[in-house]
Amino acid sequence: MSDREAMFKEMVRQFPDSPMGHFSLGRLMVDEKRWPEAVTALSEAVKLDPTYAAALVALGDAHVGAGAKDQAKAAWERALGTPLGRRDMSLQADLEQRIRDLEDF
């Protein structure tokens, strides 16, 4: 286990009701292509904060890595519906492109 992974797991242990630790751990798992673990951690972050756009985007990425296209699309569509997703034009464009790419895949 890397130092970063240990640190994020400790954050989750100390602050289980905070989405940040789960998100950070999930992002690390995405970076390491550990898809099932990423989905688990990011799903928890989103459960704790359903409007956490970054966690929804990363959850979509984890689902793509795990081969779950429908779940990826659903996560990205949820991200578009968050307050950030509704006002950030670059995020909207990025997510819309990801969804189009997924449909072409």
Protein backbone atom coordinates (compact mmCIF):
# COMPACT_ATOMS: atom_id res chain seq x y z
CA MET A 1 0.00 0.00 0.00
CA SER A 2 1.36 3.40 -0.97
CA ASP A 3 1.71 6.25 1.50
CA ARG A 4 -1.05 8.15 -0.35
CA GLU A 5 -3.42 5.19 -0.13
CA ALA A 6 -2.68 4.78 3.58
CA MET A 7 -3.27 8.50 4.15
CA PHE A 8 -6.62 8.47 2.31
CA LYS A 9 -7.76 5.31 4.12
CA GLU A 10 -6.88 6.99 7.40
CA MET A 11 -8.95 10.03 6.36
CA VAL A 12 -11.90 7.72 5.67
CA ARG A 13 -11.41 5.99 9.01
CA GLN A 14 -11.24 9.26 10.97
CA PHE A 15 -13.99 11.05 9.04
CA PRO A 16 -16.30 8.38 7.61
CA ASP A 17 -19.12 10.89 7.05
CA SER A 18 -16.99 13.25 4.98
CA PRO A 19 -17.07 12.67 1.23
CA MET A 20 -13.56 14.11 0.71
CA GLY A 21 -11.65 11.08 1.99
CA HIS A 22 -13.77 8.69 -0.04
CA PHE A 23 -13.34 10.89 -3.12
CA SER A 24 -9.56 11.13 -2.67
CA LEU A 25 -9.26 7.37 -2.22
CA GLY A 26 -11.49 6.77 -5.25
CA ARG A 27 -9.46 9.12 -7.45
CA LEU A 28 -6.30 7.29 -6.46
CA MET A 29 -7.96 3.98 -7.37
CA VAL A 30 -8.99 5.42 -10.76
CA ASP A 31 -5.41 6.59 -11.35
CA GLU A 32 -4.21 3.08 -10.50
CA LYS A 33 -6.93 1.45 -12.66
CA ARG A 34 -8.33 -0.39 -9.64
CA TRP A 35 -11.85 -0.06 -10.97
CA PRO A 36 -13.98 -1.99 -8.43
CA GLU A 37 -12.30 -0.26 -5.49
CA ALA A 38 -12.71 3.11 -7.23
CA VAL A 39 -16.42 2.49 -7.80
CA THR A 40 -16.88 1.57 -4.14
CA ALA A 41 -15.06 4.62 -2.75
CA LEU A 42 -16.59 7.09 -5.20
CA SER A 43 -20.09 5.67 -4.71
CA GLU A 44 -19.69 6.34 -1.00
CA ALA A 45 -18.57 9.93 -1.66
CA VAL A 46 -21.63 10.50 -3.86
CA LYS A 47 -23.91 8.85 -1.29
CA LEU A 48 -22.61 11.29 1.33
CA ASP A 49 -22.90 14.29 -1.03
CA PRO A 50 -25.17 13.69 -4.04
CA THR A 51 -24.19 17.07 -5.55
CA TYR A 52 -20.41 16.37 -5.52
CA ALA A 53 -19.78 16.90 -9.24
CA ALA A 54 -16.11 15.86 -9.17
CA ALA A 55 -17.00 12.59 -7.45
CA LEU A 56 -19.72 11.91 -10.02
CA VAL A 57 -17.31 12.57 -12.89
CA ALA A 58 -14.70 10.26 -11.34
CA LEU A 59 -17.39 7.64 -10.64
CA GLY A 60 -18.25 7.72 -14.34
CA ASP A 61 -14.59 7.23 -15.17
CA ALA A 62 -14.41 4.26 -12.79
CA HIS A 63 -17.49 2.70 -14.36
CA VAL A 64 -15.96 3.09 -17.84
CA GLY A 65 -12.82 1.37 -16.62
CA ALA A 66 -14.94 -1.44 -15.17
CA GLY A 67 -16.79 -1.79 -18.47
CA ALA A 68 -20.11 -0.50 -17.13
CA LYS A 69 -21.12 2.01 -19.81
CA ASP A 70 -24.69 2.54 -18.63
CA GLN A 71 -23.58 3.32 -15.08
CA ALA A 72 -20.90 5.69 -16.42
CA LYS A 73 -23.46 7.57 -18.48
CA ALA A 74 -25.82 7.77 -15.50
CA ALA A 75 -23.07 9.18 -13.26
CA TRP A 76 -22.08 11.80 -15.83
CA GLU A 77 -25.71 12.78 -16.42
CA ARG A 78 -26.10 13.21 -12.65
CA ALA A 79 -22.98 15.41 -12.66
CA LEU A 80 -24.60 17.60 -15.31
CA GLY A 81 -27.56 18.09 -12.97
CA THR A 82 -25.50 19.31 -10.02
CA PRO A 83 -25.26 23.03 -9.26
CA LEU A 84 -21.69 23.06 -10.63
CA GLY A 85 -22.72 21.02 -13.65
CA ARG A 86 -25.49 23.49 -14.47
CA ARG A 87 -23.31 26.60 -14.29
CA ASP A 88 -19.84 25.48 -15.44
CA MET A 89 -19.88 25.58 -19.24
CA SER A 90 -16.52 23.81 -19.63
CA LEU A 91 -17.66 20.98 -17.35
CA GLN A 92 -20.90 20.71 -19.37
CA ALA A 93 -18.96 20.51 -22.62
CA ASP A 94 -16.56 17.93 -21.21
CA LEU A 95 -19.33 15.72 -19.86
CA GLU A 96 -21.43 15.99 -23.00
CA GLN A 97 -18.39 14.93 -25.05
CA ARG A 98 -17.70 11.99 -22.71
CA ILE A 99 -21.31 10.84 -23.07
CA ARG A 100 -21.15 11.13 -26.88
CA ASP A 101 -17.85 9.22 -26.94
CA LEU A 102 -19.37 6.53 -24.77
CA GLU A 103 -22.34 6.14 -27.10
CA ASP A 104 -19.94 5.80 -30.06
CA PHE A 105 -17.81 3.24 -28.20
